[in-house]
Amino acid sequence: MLMASPVMTPAHAQSNQGPASVADLAEGLLDAVVNISTSQNVGGSGRTQPQMKAPDGSPFQDFFDEFFKDRQGEGPRSRKVSSLGSGFVIDAEEGIIVTNNHVIDGADDIEINFADGSKLKAELVGADSKTDLAVLKVKPVKPLTEVPLGESGTMRIGDWVMAIGNPFGLGGTVTVGIISARGRDINSGPYDNFIQTDAAINRGNSGGPLFNMKGEVIGINTAIISPSGGSIGIGFAVPTELAVNVIDQLREFGETRRGWLGVRIQPVTDEIAESLGMDGAKGALVAGVIRGGPVDDGSIEPGDVIIRFDGKDVDSMRDLPRVVAESPVGKAVDVIVIRKGEEQTIKVTLGRLEDSEQASADETGDGGATDLPDTLTTVDVLGMTVAELTDDGRQEFAIADDVEGVVITAVDPESAAAEKRIEPGDVIVEIAQEIVTTPQDVEERIAALRQDGRRNALLMLAGRTGELRFVTVRMD
């Protein structure tokens, strides 16, 4: 009996041939992606010199360690350190190239290697360590190929992407994958909002472009997670929705000029949300207002929860610094806050973010009781002993003159307060957004919260130098 041959439909034929080729797309993009070579002169000092190190996980590490172990006393030397990375041309006429800051950071010389084998020296236009971006400029001797910046905000998890770069110095290399996740925070900077991809990214790919299937750059490849140093399918790219504003500012000013709101913030936890009567944990809790800042006029107050900024939702604390920084200096924006259970809209004019940070005084405490005058009124509540803030108390705990409230003189180490790292010398300024000035106020506010059925007490605490923070303490 003869068996009929299976009928091959066009769909079957296509599935047997694999996915559609990306050769045409890659061919049109390769010339715009460059290899970046940098060098830096490192001088010796004293009787030691920098020790060479094999790549992480290299079987030759023991050899390197042994070979250089006895060479540390040969006196000061100077050597040239080289590194490799990737970049891409975004303006062919002006010779503008984008890469990562860490690719060129500290470099004395930057050389751009193009796909056709030509080389050009590059100058640094500007760099931003917070987003790890840098803009370079070359003087073209012949026409360059540029690529457009696309809209990363339209990309979805599962969309195909292509990475082109210079892994391990091998030259133009194409890899393909999908977007695995969006909005990743890998704790590399204050504005983390990475695209995660499984397209193979290795050392040397840093600064290279991540393309969508239209040939538009939707990310700048920046980091990988890898125990071995090679790709395991977890790479991260700065999205263009974050990068475009930074690139434009670096080109125009040679530096970034970010918006500044002038508040200190902390996360809204489930306990804080419950204490404030909110439906759920969202937004950024204002823990303090910076003196001389844009909102040091009473428009925004400690205890406010910012849930929307300039038309953009603030779902979590880490969203706020990014959307503020992306806003132009001097722009008037609407800020929606929750204040004492009600939404309010506040008009704010942004200042310019100051990069320099002032060091804050360290706070110390031993968790034990402190000797205070016998006549001082104290109250024990929630595992804390609280007292009036007198001149003696200020001197005992080194509390600044402008701090007002009720001082904590002792904390039970087994209490919920101790779990939240409350210490003697902390000052209770508010409880559940109500000001307290005496120990009796503290006692009455806690009693009122218990009567209302609250499980947590929201305390605004001032440190010894006046910096504020919010803490929730269980009232079990």
Protein backbone atom coordinates (compact mmCIF):
# COMPACT_ATOMS: atom_id res chain seq x y z
CA MET A 1 0.00 0.00 0.00
CA LEU A 2 1.38 3.33 -1.02
CA MET A 3 1.47 6.16 1.55
CA ALA A 4 0.62 9.62 0.29
CA SER A 5 3.35 12.20 0.77
CA PRO A 6 2.45 14.99 3.22
CA VAL A 7 1.32 18.17 1.56
CA MET A 8 3.75 21.06 2.19
CA THR A 9 1.92 24.34 2.55
CA PRO A 10 3.73 27.69 2.33
CA ALA A 11 3.37 28.01 6.09
CA HIS A 12 5.05 24.64 6.63
CA ALA A 13 7.83 25.53 4.24
CA GLN A 14 8.50 28.80 6.01
CA SER A 15 8.61 27.15 9.46
CA ASN A 16 11.18 24.63 8.20
CA GLN A 17 13.39 27.44 6.96
CA GLY A 18 13.56 29.18 10.34
CA PRO A 19 12.78 32.83 11.13
CA ALA A 20 13.15 35.57 8.59
CA SER A 21 16.71 36.72 7.94
CA VAL A 22 17.92 40.03 9.39
CA ALA A 23 20.84 40.23 6.95
CA ASP A 24 19.46 43.20 5.02
CA LEU A 25 18.83 45.12 8.24
CA ALA A 26 22.31 44.37 9.63
CA GLU A 27 24.01 45.29 6.37
CA GLY A 28 22.55 48.78 6.48
CA LEU A 29 23.56 49.38 10.09
CA LEU A 30 27.06 47.94 10.44
CA ASP A 31 28.81 50.97 8.92
CA ALA A 32 27.30 53.30 11.54
CA VAL A 33 28.62 51.26 14.49
CA VAL A 34 32.20 51.99 15.52
CA ASN A 35 34.85 50.44 17.69
CA ILE A 36 36.36 52.76 20.30
CA SER A 37 39.91 52.35 21.49
CA THR A 38 41.18 54.42 24.41
CA SER A 39 44.51 54.72 26.15
CA GLN A 40 45.52 56.20 29.47
CA ASN A 41 48.96 56.83 30.90
CA VAL A 42 49.24 55.46 34.43
CA GLY A 43 52.21 56.62 36.46
CA GLY A 44 53.79 54.63 39.27
CA SER A 45 54.22 55.97 42.80
CA GLY A 46 56.34 54.84 45.69
CA ARG A 47 57.76 51.32 45.37
CA THR A 48 54.63 49.70 44.00
CA GLN A 49 53.14 49.55 40.55
CA PRO A 50 49.66 48.53 39.40
CA GLN A 51 49.46 44.77 39.08
CA MET A 52 48.19 43.30 35.83
CA LYS A 53 45.17 41.07 36.17
CA ALA A 54 43.94 38.31 33.93
CA PRO A 55 40.29 38.35 32.87
CA ASP A 56 37.89 37.15 35.58
CA GLY A 57 37.76 33.38 35.69
CA SER A 58 40.89 32.98 33.54
CA PRO A 59 42.93 29.79 34.12
CA PHE A 60 46.04 32.00 33.87
CA GLN A 61 45.26 34.07 36.96
CA ASP A 62 47.63 32.06 39.15
CA PHE A 63 50.40 32.67 36.60
CA PHE A 64 49.76 36.41 36.61
CA ASP A 65 49.72 36.52 40.43
CA GLU A 66 52.99 34.58 40.73
CA PHE A 67 54.79 36.42 37.94
CA PHE A 68 54.06 39.89 39.29
CA LYS A 69 54.31 39.04 42.99
CA ASP A 70 58.04 39.79 43.17
CA ARG A 71 58.01 42.79 40.83
CA GLN A 72 56.34 45.23 43.23
CA GLY A 73 59.64 46.67 44.46
CA GLU A 74 61.17 47.74 41.18
CA GLY A 75 60.35 51.42 41.67
CA PRO A 76 57.91 53.78 40.03
CA ARG A 77 56.96 53.11 36.43
CA SER A 78 54.67 54.58 33.86
CA ARG A 79 52.59 52.41 31.59
CA LYS A 80 49.81 52.81 29.06
CA VAL A 81 46.48 51.16 29.79
CA SER A 82 44.18 50.45 26.83
CA SER A 83 40.52 49.56 26.68
CA LEU A 84 37.97 48.81 23.99
CA GLY A 85 34.31 49.63 23.59
CA SER A 86 31.64 50.44 21.06
CA GLY A 87 29.70 53.46 19.84
CA PHE A 88 27.51 54.65 16.98
CA VAL A 89 27.21 57.70 14.74
CA ILE A 90 24.05 59.80 15.19
CA ASP A 91 25.12 62.85 13.13
CA ALA A 92 27.24 62.08 10.07
CA GLU A 93 27.73 65.70 9.05
CA GLU A 94 28.94 66.87 12.47
CA GLY A 95 30.77 63.62 13.29
CA ILE A 96 28.82 63.00 16.52
CA ILE A 97 29.21 59.60 18.17
CA VAL A 98 27.45 58.24 21.27
CA THR A 99 28.98 55.72 23.69
CA ASN A 100 29.14 54.91 27.40
CA ASN A 101 30.91 57.16 29.86
CA HIS A 102 32.78 54.20 31.35
CA VAL A 103 34.26 53.39 27.93
CA ILE A 104 36.13 56.72 27.72
CA ASP A 105 36.36 57.74 31.39
CA GLY A 106 39.88 58.93 32.23
CA ALA A 107 41.18 58.37 28.69
CA ASP A 108 44.08 60.45 27.39
CA ASP A 109 43.50 59.39 23.80
CA ILE A 110 40.31 58.23 22.07
CA GLU A 111 40.47 56.59 18.65
CA ILE A 112 37.46 55.65 16.53
CA ASN A 113 37.77 52.59 14.29
CA PHE A 114 35.22 52.44 11.49
CA ALA A 115 33.87 49.37 9.72
CA ASP A 116 35.89 50.11 6.56
CA GLY A 117 39.15 50.06 8.51
CA SER A 118 39.66 53.82 8.69
CA LYS A 119 40.54 55.51 11.99
CA LEU A 120 39.96 58.99 13.42
CA LYS A 121 40.93 60.70 16.65
CA ALA A 122 37.96 61.81 18.73
CA GLU A 123 37.45 64.59 21.23
CA LEU A 124 35.11 64.37 24.20
CA VAL A 125 32.13 66.70 23.86
CA GLY A 126 30.60 65.81 27.24
CA ALA A 127 29.88 62.91 29.57
CA ASP A 128 27.38 62.05 32.27
CA SER A 129 28.30 59.46 34.90
CA LYS A 130 24.76 59.25 36.30
CA THR A 131 23.37 57.73 33.10
CA ASP A 132 26.74 56.39 31.88
CA LEU A 133 26.54 58.26 28.57
CA ALA A 134 29.15 60.19 26.60
CA VAL A 135 29.21 62.17 23.35
CA LEU A 136 32.29 62.22 21.11
CA LYS A 137 33.14 64.23 18.01
CA VAL A 138 35.34 63.41 15.02
CA LYS A 139 36.25 65.39 11.92
CA PRO A 140 35.04 63.26 9.00
CA VAL A 141 37.35 63.03 5.99
CA LYS A 142 34.66 61.22 4.00
CA PRO A 143 30.90 60.73 4.42
CA LEU A 144 29.87 58.75 7.49
CA THR A 145 26.82 56.55 8.00
CA GLU A 146 24.44 57.59 10.77
CA VAL A 147 21.56 55.84 12.50
CA PRO A 148 18.39 57.44 13.91
CA LEU A 149 17.29 57.39 17.55
CA GLY A 150 13.93 55.67 17.94
CA GLU A 151 11.26 55.70 20.64
CA SER A 152 12.05 53.10 23.28
CA GLY A 153 8.77 53.84 25.02
CA THR A 154 6.85 52.03 22.27
CA MET A 155 8.85 48.81 22.66
CA ARG A 156 7.18 45.86 24.33
CA ILE A 157 8.47 42.84 26.19
CA GLY A 158 8.98 40.15 23.55
CA ASP A 159 9.83 42.54 20.71
CA TRP A 160 12.85 41.54 18.60
CA VAL A 161 16.02 43.62 18.94
CA MET A 162 19.49 43.57 17.41
CA ALA A 163 22.77 44.47 19.14
CA ILE A 164 25.88 45.45 17.18
CA GLY A 165 29.21 46.03 18.88
CA ASN A 166 32.84 45.15 19.46
CA PRO A 167 32.86 42.16 21.86
CA PHE A 168 36.33 41.29 23.16
CA GLY A 169 37.81 43.54 20.46
CA LEU A 170 36.67 41.27 17.63
CA GLY A 171 35.09 44.05 15.60
CA GLY A 172 31.57 44.51 14.27
CA THR A 173 29.46 41.66 15.64
CA VAL A 174 25.70 41.23 15.25
CA THR A 175 23.48 39.43 17.78
CA VAL A 176 19.71 39.14 17.92
CA GLY A 177 17.29 38.59 20.78
CA ILE A 178 14.18 40.00 22.38
CA ILE A 179 13.36 42.54 25.04
CA SER A 180 13.18 40.46 28.21
CA ALA A 181 12.02 43.20 30.57
CA ARG A 182 11.71 46.96 30.92
CA GLY A 183 12.28 49.45 33.71
CA ARG A 184 15.06 47.43 35.36
CA ASP A 185 16.83 48.98 38.38
CA ILE A 186 20.28 47.40 38.80
CA ASN A 187 21.48 49.95 41.38
CA SER A 188 24.07 51.44 39.04
CA GLY A 189 22.82 55.04 39.30
CA PRO A 190 20.01 57.30 40.46
CA TYR A 191 18.08 57.10 37.18
CA ASP A 192 18.16 53.36 36.45
CA ASN A 193 15.44 52.42 33.98
CA PHE A 194 17.16 49.81 31.83
CA ILE A 195 15.89 47.69 28.98
CA GLN A 196 16.82 44.06 29.62
CA THR A 197 17.60 41.89 26.61
CA ASP A 198 18.79 38.36 25.89
CA ALA A 199 20.64 39.45 22.75
CA ALA A 200 24.24 38.43 23.42
CA ILE A 201 26.20 41.35 24.90
CA ASN A 202 29.78 40.86 26.07
CA ARG A 203 32.72 42.96 27.21
CA GLY A 204 33.46 45.43 24.46
CA ASN A 205 29.79 45.83 23.54
CA SER A 206 29.50 48.71 26.01
CA GLY A 207 28.33 51.86 24.28
CA GLY A 208 27.00 50.00 21.26
CA PRO A 209 23.46 50.37 19.94
CA LEU A 210 20.42 48.19 20.54
CA PHE A 211 18.20 48.41 17.45
CA ASN A 212 14.55 47.70 16.84
CA MET A 213 13.55 45.93 13.63
CA LYS A 214 13.17 49.29 11.85
CA GLY A 215 16.88 50.00 12.28
CA GLU A 216 16.31 52.66 14.95
CA VAL A 217 18.41 52.82 18.11
CA ILE A 218 16.16 52.21 21.11
CA GLY A 219 18.91 51.58 23.67
CA ILE A 220 22.62 51.96 24.44
CA ASN A 221 24.14 48.69 25.66
CA THR A 222 25.71 49.30 29.03
CA ALA A 223 25.99 46.32 31.38
CA ILE A 224 25.65 42.57 31.73
CA ILE A 225 25.16 40.14 34.57
CA SER A 226 27.65 37.32 34.19
CA PRO A 227 29.59 35.20 36.69
CA SER A 228 31.97 34.14 33.89
CA GLY A 229 32.44 37.47 32.13
CA GLY A 230 30.63 36.23 29.02
CA SER A 231 27.02 36.57 27.97
CA ILE A 232 24.44 34.49 29.80
CA GLY A 233 21.54 36.27 28.18
CA ILE A 234 21.07 39.08 30.71
CA GLY A 235 22.14 42.41 29.28
CA PHE A 236 21.01 45.97 29.95
CA ALA A 237 20.65 49.03 27.75
CA VAL A 238 19.91 52.67 28.56
CA PRO A 239 16.58 53.43 26.85
CA THR A 240 16.54 56.27 24.35
CA GLU A 241 13.63 57.90 26.19
CA LEU A 242 16.15 58.59 28.98
CA ALA A 243 19.21 59.08 26.76
CA VAL A 244 17.89 61.61 24.21
CA ASN A 245 17.62 64.51 26.64
CA VAL A 246 21.08 63.76 28.09
CA ILE A 247 22.65 63.53 24.62
CA ASP A 248 21.05 66.81 23.52
CA GLN A 249 22.31 68.61 26.64
CA LEU A 250 25.83 67.21 26.28
CA ARG A 251 25.93 68.37 22.67
CA GLU A 252 24.63 71.84 23.50
CA PHE A 253 26.30 72.57 26.84
CA GLY A 254 28.98 69.91 27.30
CA GLU A 255 27.23 68.97 30.54
CA THR A 256 23.81 68.01 31.85
CA ARG A 257 21.34 70.54 33.23
CA ARG A 258 18.74 68.61 35.16
CA GLY A 259 15.58 69.78 36.86
CA TRP A 260 15.62 69.92 40.66
CA LEU A 261 12.66 69.78 43.02
CA GLY A 262 14.59 70.15 46.27
CA VAL A 263 13.05 67.42 48.41
CA ARG A 264 14.35 64.39 50.26
CA ILE A 265 12.17 61.35 49.67
CA GLN A 266 11.68 57.82 50.90
CA PRO A 267 9.53 54.85 49.81
CA VAL A 268 5.87 54.54 50.69
CA THR A 269 5.64 51.14 52.37
CA ASP A 270 2.42 49.25 53.07
CA GLU A 271 2.66 50.35 56.71
CA ILE A 272 3.10 54.01 55.79
CA ALA A 273 0.21 53.80 53.31
CA GLU A 274 -2.02 52.31 56.01
CA SER A 275 -0.95 55.00 58.48
CA LEU A 276 -1.86 57.73 55.97
CA GLY A 277 -5.18 56.14 55.06
CA MET A 278 -4.10 55.44 51.47
CA ASP A 279 -5.61 52.62 49.43
CA GLY A 280 -2.21 51.18 48.59
CA ALA A 281 1.53 51.83 48.62
CA LYS A 282 2.40 54.22 45.80
CA GLY A 283 4.24 57.47 45.20
CA ALA A 284 7.21 59.10 46.92
CA LEU A 285 6.99 60.26 50.53
CA VAL A 286 8.53 63.69 51.14
CA ALA A 287 10.81 63.26 54.15
CA GLY A 288 12.22 66.77 54.06
CA VAL A 289 12.49 69.98 52.08
CA ILE A 290 15.95 71.31 51.24
CA ARG A 291 16.56 74.84 52.43
CA GLY A 292 16.84 77.32 49.60
CA GLY A 293 15.38 74.81 47.14
CA PRO A 294 12.54 75.36 44.67
CA VAL A 295 9.82 74.29 47.14
CA ASP A 296 11.26 75.87 50.29
CA ASP A 297 8.24 78.18 50.28
CA GLY A 298 5.79 75.84 51.98
CA SER A 299 4.24 74.66 48.71
CA ILE A 300 5.36 71.07 49.37
CA GLU A 301 5.59 69.85 52.96
CA PRO A 302 7.21 66.91 54.75
CA GLY A 303 4.63 64.15 54.89
CA ASP A 304 3.23 64.87 51.43
CA VAL A 305 3.11 61.86 49.11
CA ILE A 306 3.89 62.80 45.49
CA ILE A 307 1.83 60.59 43.18
CA ARG A 308 2.03 62.52 39.90
CA PHE A 309 4.61 64.90 38.44
CA ASP A 310 4.08 66.94 35.27
CA GLY A 311 1.47 64.53 33.97
CA LYS A 312 3.55 61.41 34.73
CA ASP A 313 2.51 58.89 37.38
CA VAL A 314 4.93 58.34 40.25
CA ASP A 315 4.29 54.70 41.10
CA SER A 316 7.32 54.29 43.36
CA MET A 317 9.97 56.45 44.99
CA ARG A 318 12.59 55.74 42.31
CA ASP A 319 10.32 57.11 39.58
CA LEU A 320 10.43 60.67 40.93
CA PRO A 321 14.16 61.53 40.59
CA ARG A 322 14.12 60.35 36.99
CA VAL A 323 11.05 62.30 35.83
CA VAL A 324 12.26 65.42 37.64
CA ALA A 325 15.74 65.15 36.13
CA GLU A 326 14.26 64.78 32.65
CA SER A 327 12.38 68.07 33.05
CA PRO A 328 13.94 71.36 31.89
CA VAL A 329 15.36 73.78 34.44
CA GLY A 330 12.91 76.63 35.08
CA LYS A 331 9.86 74.74 33.86
CA ALA A 332 6.61 75.26 35.79
CA VAL A 333 4.99 71.88 36.46
CA ASP A 334 1.94 70.53 38.25
CA VAL A 335 2.69 68.22 41.16
CA ILE A 336 -0.14 66.15 42.63
CA VAL A 337 0.32 65.18 46.27
CA ILE A 338 -1.70 63.39 48.93
CA ARG A 339 -1.78 65.58 52.03
CA LYS A 340 -3.70 64.40 55.08
CA GLY A 341 -5.74 62.01 52.99
CA GLU A 342 -6.69 64.44 50.22
CA GLU A 343 -5.22 65.07 46.77
CA GLN A 344 -3.88 68.54 46.04
CA THR A 345 -2.34 70.00 42.89
CA ILE A 346 0.64 72.30 43.42
CA LYS A 347 2.39 74.43 40.79
CA VAL A 348 6.17 74.26 41.13
CA THR A 349 8.99 75.93 39.15
CA LEU A 350 12.01 73.64 38.93
CA GLY A 351 15.51 74.70 39.88
CA ARG A 352 18.78 73.21 38.62
CA LEU A 353 20.18 70.12 40.27
CA GLU A 354 23.43 70.72 42.12
CA ASP A 355 25.82 67.83 41.60
CA SER A 356 27.90 68.61 44.68
CA GLU A 357 26.62 66.95 47.81
CA GLN A 358 27.25 68.24 51.28
CA ALA A 359 28.34 65.70 53.79
CA SER A 360 25.92 65.13 56.62
CA ALA A 361 26.96 64.60 60.21
CA ASP A 362 27.03 61.04 61.43
CA GLU A 363 24.40 60.05 63.94
CA THR A 364 25.40 57.75 66.76
CA GLY A 365 23.63 56.22 69.69
CA ASP A 366 24.12 53.29 72.06
CA GLY A 367 20.44 52.40 72.50
CA GLY A 368 20.58 52.89 76.25
CA ALA A 369 19.13 55.41 78.66
CA THR A 370 20.79 58.79 79.18
CA ASP A 371 21.02 60.72 82.43
CA LEU A 372 18.65 63.69 82.41
CA PRO A 373 17.38 65.89 85.24
CA ASP A 374 15.12 64.00 87.68
CA THR A 375 12.40 66.64 87.34
CA LEU A 376 12.02 66.10 83.59
CA THR A 377 8.64 64.65 82.56
CA THR A 378 8.99 61.40 80.64
CA VAL A 379 6.54 58.92 79.10
CA ASP A 380 7.08 55.31 78.05
CA VAL A 381 5.33 54.48 74.78
CA LEU A 382 5.89 51.89 72.03
CA GLY A 383 9.13 50.76 73.61
CA MET A 384 10.50 54.30 73.79
CA THR A 385 11.04 56.72 76.63
CA VAL A 386 10.27 60.28 75.48
CA ALA A 387 10.88 63.57 77.23
CA GLU A 388 10.58 67.31 76.76
CA LEU A 389 13.32 68.76 74.59
CA THR A 390 15.08 71.12 77.00
CA ASP A 391 18.42 72.89 76.80
CA ASP A 392 19.95 70.08 78.84
CA GLY A 393 18.56 67.53 76.39
CA ARG A 394 19.94 69.44 73.42
CA GLN A 395 23.37 69.52 75.03
CA GLU A 396 23.23 65.86 76.07
CA PHE A 397 22.36 64.62 72.57
CA ALA A 398 24.01 67.43 70.55
CA ILE A 399 20.66 68.38 69.00
CA ALA A 400 20.61 71.49 66.83
CA ASP A 401 18.80 74.58 68.11
CA ASP A 402 16.29 74.64 65.26
CA VAL A 403 15.01 71.10 65.92
CA GLU A 404 11.66 71.06 67.70
CA GLY A 405 9.64 68.18 69.11
CA VAL A 406 9.88 65.47 71.78
CA VAL A 407 13.24 63.81 72.36
CA ILE A 408 13.64 60.04 72.67
CA THR A 409 15.87 59.31 75.65
CA ALA A 410 15.84 55.49 75.61
CA VAL A 411 14.74 52.62 73.34
CA ASP A 412 13.95 49.06 74.45
CA PRO A 413 16.26 46.89 72.32
CA GLU A 414 13.50 44.27 71.99
CA SER A 415 10.85 46.74 70.82
CA ALA A 416 9.40 47.47 67.39
CA ALA A 417 10.99 50.92 67.62
CA ALA A 418 14.43 49.35 67.88
CA GLU A 419 13.68 47.21 64.82
CA LYS A 420 13.16 50.45 62.88
CA ARG A 421 16.54 51.75 64.10
CA ILE A 422 15.09 54.49 66.26
CA GLU A 423 17.76 55.68 68.69
CA PRO A 424 18.10 57.91 71.74
CA GLY A 425 18.62 61.44 70.48
CA ASP A 426 16.04 61.13 67.71
CA VAL A 427 13.29 63.73 68.03
CA ILE A 428 9.61 63.02 67.32
CA VAL A 429 8.27 65.97 65.33
CA GLU A 430 4.91 64.58 64.20
CA ILE A 431 2.74 61.53 64.76
CA ALA A 432 0.29 60.71 61.96
CA GLN A 433 0.92 64.18 60.49
CA GLU A 434 0.05 65.96 63.75
CA ILE A 435 2.72 68.04 65.50
CA VAL A 436 3.76 66.94 68.99
CA THR A 437 5.59 69.18 71.47
CA THR A 438 5.25 67.34 74.80
CA PRO A 439 5.42 63.72 75.99
CA GLN A 440 1.71 63.96 76.77
CA ASP A 441 1.04 64.84 73.13
CA VAL A 442 2.84 61.66 72.10
CA GLU A 443 0.83 59.55 74.53
CA GLU A 444 -2.49 61.07 73.42
CA ARG A 445 -1.76 60.69 69.69
CA ILE A 446 -0.86 57.00 70.10
CA ALA A 447 -4.02 56.42 72.14
CA ALA A 448 -6.14 58.15 69.47
CA LEU A 449 -4.62 56.02 66.71
CA ARG A 450 -5.36 52.85 68.65
CA GLN A 451 -8.94 53.99 69.20
CA ASP A 452 -9.26 54.53 65.42
CA GLY A 453 -8.15 50.94 64.83
CA ARG A 454 -4.77 51.82 63.33
CA ARG A 455 -2.13 49.11 63.50
CA ASN A 456 0.87 51.37 62.87
CA ALA A 457 1.94 54.81 64.03
CA LEU A 458 3.63 57.03 61.44
CA LEU A 459 6.36 59.07 63.13
CA MET A 460 8.22 61.99 61.60
CA LEU A 461 11.64 61.92 63.23
CA ALA A 462 14.33 64.56 63.16
CA GLY A 463 17.98 63.61 63.48
CA ARG A 464 20.36 65.59 65.65
CA THR A 465 21.18 68.01 62.86
CA GLY A 466 17.57 68.35 61.71
CA GLU A 467 17.32 65.93 58.78
CA LEU A 468 13.88 64.33 58.68
CA ARG A 469 12.69 60.79 58.01
CA PHE A 470 9.44 58.89 58.40
CA VAL A 471 9.16 55.64 60.33
CA THR A 472 6.17 53.40 61.02
CA VAL A 473 6.07 51.61 64.37
CA ARG A 474 3.74 48.72 65.13
CA MET A 475 1.27 49.37 67.95
CA ASP A 476 0.67 45.69 68.83
